[in-house]
Amino acid sequence: MTEQEFDSIDWGNEADKAALSEACEKNLKVLGCTGVEDELQDEVSDCIEDFRDAGIKVWMLTGDLGHTAQEIGYNCGVM
């Protein structure tokens, strides 16, 4: 995408934002990850919602028992 094309984006237009995503988000690699230990941190579900709104995939990996993992998933908004 050229600088001129980027400058012409109408940020209130969902189609323009989708076109930008299509142009930029190719062959990306994960540069980092984070973990939560024991208690859920404040606003974890809000953060996960923001990630999803931005098109970021969220996965939950845990070594907990199935029932515990399911409860954590529901409490933090992953499930």
C-alpha atoms as a PDB file:
ATOM      1  CA  MET A   1       0.000   0.000   0.000  1.00  0.00           C
ATOM      2  CA  THR A   2       1.390   3.359  -0.943  1.00  0.00           C
ATOM      3  CA  GLU A   3       1.565   6.310   1.434  1.00  0.00           C
ATOM      4  CA  GLN A   4      -1.056   8.095  -0.685  1.00  0.00           C
ATOM      5  CA  GLU A   5      -3.427   5.097  -0.410  1.00  0.00           C
ATOM      6  CA  PHE A   6      -2.841   4.988   3.341  1.00  0.00           C
ATOM      7  CA  ASP A   7      -3.525   8.721   3.695  1.00  0.00           C
ATOM      8  CA  SER A   8      -6.816   8.359   1.808  1.00  0.00           C
ATOM      9  CA  ILE A   9      -8.275   5.834   4.278  1.00  0.00           C
ATOM     10  CA  ASP A  10     -11.573   6.891   5.865  1.00  0.00           C
ATOM     11  CA  TRP A  11     -11.097   5.482   9.391  1.00  0.00           C
ATOM     12  CA  GLY A  12     -14.863   5.641   9.984  1.00  0.00           C
ATOM     13  CA  ASN A  13     -15.476   3.372   6.981  1.00  0.00           C
ATOM     14  CA  GLU A  14     -15.399  -0.340   7.836  1.00  0.00           C
ATOM     15  CA  ALA A  15     -14.639  -1.295   4.213  1.00  0.00           C
ATOM     16  CA  ASP A  16     -11.575   0.975   4.199  1.00  0.00           C
ATOM     17  CA  LYS A  17     -10.337  -0.535   7.473  1.00  0.00           C
ATOM     18  CA  ALA A  18     -10.919  -4.047   6.122  1.00  0.00           C
ATOM     19  CA  ALA A  19      -8.966  -3.184   2.957  1.00  0.00           C
ATOM     20  CA  LEU A  20      -6.089  -1.907   5.094  1.00  0.00           C
ATOM     21  CA  SER A  21      -6.102  -5.132   7.094  1.00  0.00           C
ATOM     22  CA  GLU A  22      -6.027  -7.195   3.924  1.00  0.00           C
ATOM     23  CA  ALA A  23      -3.126  -5.156   2.551  1.00  0.00           C
ATOM     24  CA  CYS A  24      -1.024  -5.224   5.730  1.00  0.00           C
ATOM     25  CA  GLU A  25      -1.791  -8.389   7.658  1.00  0.00           C
ATOM     26  CA  LYS A  26      -0.009 -11.033   5.638  1.00  0.00           C
ATOM     27  CA  ASN A  27       2.578 -13.593   6.758  1.00  0.00           C
ATOM     28  CA  LEU A  28       2.699 -12.208  10.289  1.00  0.00           C
ATOM     29  CA  LYS A  29       4.639 -13.933  13.046  1.00  0.00           C
ATOM     30  CA  VAL A  30       3.867 -13.882  16.753  1.00  0.00           C
ATOM     31  CA  LEU A  31       6.333 -11.545  18.435  1.00  0.00           C
ATOM     32  CA  GLY A  32       5.185 -12.065  21.963  1.00  0.00           C
ATOM     33  CA  CYS A  33       2.708 -13.619  24.294  1.00  0.00           C
ATOM     34  CA  THR A  34       1.606 -13.139  27.850  1.00  0.00           C
ATOM     35  CA  GLY A  35       0.430 -15.339  30.650  1.00  0.00           C
ATOM     36  CA  VAL A  36      -1.769 -15.011  33.682  1.00  0.00           C
ATOM     37  CA  GLU A  37      -0.874 -17.011  36.758  1.00  0.00           C
ATOM     38  CA  ASP A  38      -3.388 -17.941  39.463  1.00  0.00           C
ATOM     39  CA  GLU A  39      -5.864 -15.069  39.962  1.00  0.00           C
ATOM     40  CA  LEU A  40      -7.284 -13.362  36.906  1.00  0.00           C
ATOM     41  CA  GLN A  41      -5.914  -9.866  36.585  1.00  0.00           C
ATOM     42  CA  ASP A  42      -8.243  -6.860  36.602  1.00  0.00           C
ATOM     43  CA  GLU A  43      -9.880  -6.147  33.256  1.00  0.00           C
ATOM     44  CA  VAL A  44      -8.630  -9.338  31.558  1.00  0.00           C
ATOM     45  CA  SER A  45     -11.980  -9.819  29.828  1.00  0.00           C
ATOM     46  CA  ASP A  46     -11.912  -6.189  28.571  1.00  0.00           C
ATOM     47  CA  CYS A  47      -8.393  -6.710  27.218  1.00  0.00           C
ATOM     48  CA  ILE A  48      -9.393  -9.925  25.446  1.00  0.00           C
ATOM     49  CA  GLU A  49     -12.424  -8.169  23.956  1.00  0.00           C
ATOM     50  CA  ASP A  50     -10.153  -5.365  22.682  1.00  0.00           C
ATOM     51  CA  PHE A  51      -7.837  -7.949  21.095  1.00  0.00           C
ATOM     52  CA  ARG A  52     -10.764  -9.634  19.347  1.00  0.00           C
ATOM     53  CA  ASP A  53     -12.151  -6.281  18.171  1.00  0.00           C
ATOM     54  CA  ALA A  54      -8.729  -5.615  16.644  1.00  0.00           C
ATOM     55  CA  GLY A  55      -8.820  -8.967  14.846  1.00  0.00           C
ATOM     56  CA  ILE A  56      -6.199 -10.588  17.083  1.00  0.00           C
ATOM     57  CA  LYS A  57      -6.765 -14.283  17.718  1.00  0.00           C
ATOM     58  CA  VAL A  58      -6.823 -15.253  21.397  1.00  0.00           C
ATOM     59  CA  TRP A  59      -5.984 -18.744  22.610  1.00  0.00           C
ATOM     60  CA  MET A  60      -6.007 -20.025  26.156  1.00  0.00           C
ATOM     61  CA  LEU A  61      -3.431 -22.668  27.063  1.00  0.00           C
ATOM     62  CA  THR A  62      -3.566 -24.200  30.506  1.00  0.00           C
ATOM     63  CA  GLY A  63      -2.400 -27.172  32.464  1.00  0.00           C
ATOM     64  CA  ASP A  64      -5.463 -27.051  34.704  1.00  0.00           C
ATOM     65  CA  LEU A  65      -8.074 -29.767  34.963  1.00  0.00           C
ATOM     66  CA  GLY A  66     -10.793 -29.555  32.303  1.00  0.00           C
ATOM     67  CA  HIS A  67     -13.457 -28.136  34.611  1.00  0.00           C
ATOM     68  CA  THR A  68     -11.083 -25.523  36.048  1.00  0.00           C
ATOM     69  CA  ALA A  69      -9.902 -24.502  32.595  1.00  0.00           C
ATOM     70  CA  GLN A  70     -13.505 -24.152  31.445  1.00  0.00           C
ATOM     71  CA  GLU A  71     -14.359 -21.889  34.393  1.00  0.00           C
ATOM     72  CA  ILE A  72     -11.282 -19.733  33.739  1.00  0.00           C
ATOM     73  CA  GLY A  73     -12.263 -19.484  30.076  1.00  0.00           C
ATOM     74  CA  TYR A  74     -15.770 -18.315  30.947  1.00  0.00           C
ATOM     75  CA  ASN A  75     -14.553 -15.859  33.620  1.00  0.00           C
ATOM     76  CA  CYS A  76     -12.051 -14.163  31.344  1.00  0.00           C
ATOM     77  CA  GLY A  77     -14.258 -14.093  28.252  1.00  0.00           C
ATOM     78  CA  VAL A  78     -12.320 -16.584  26.122  1.00  0.00           C
ATOM     79  CA  MET A  79     -15.291 -18.954  25.944  1.00  0.00           C
END
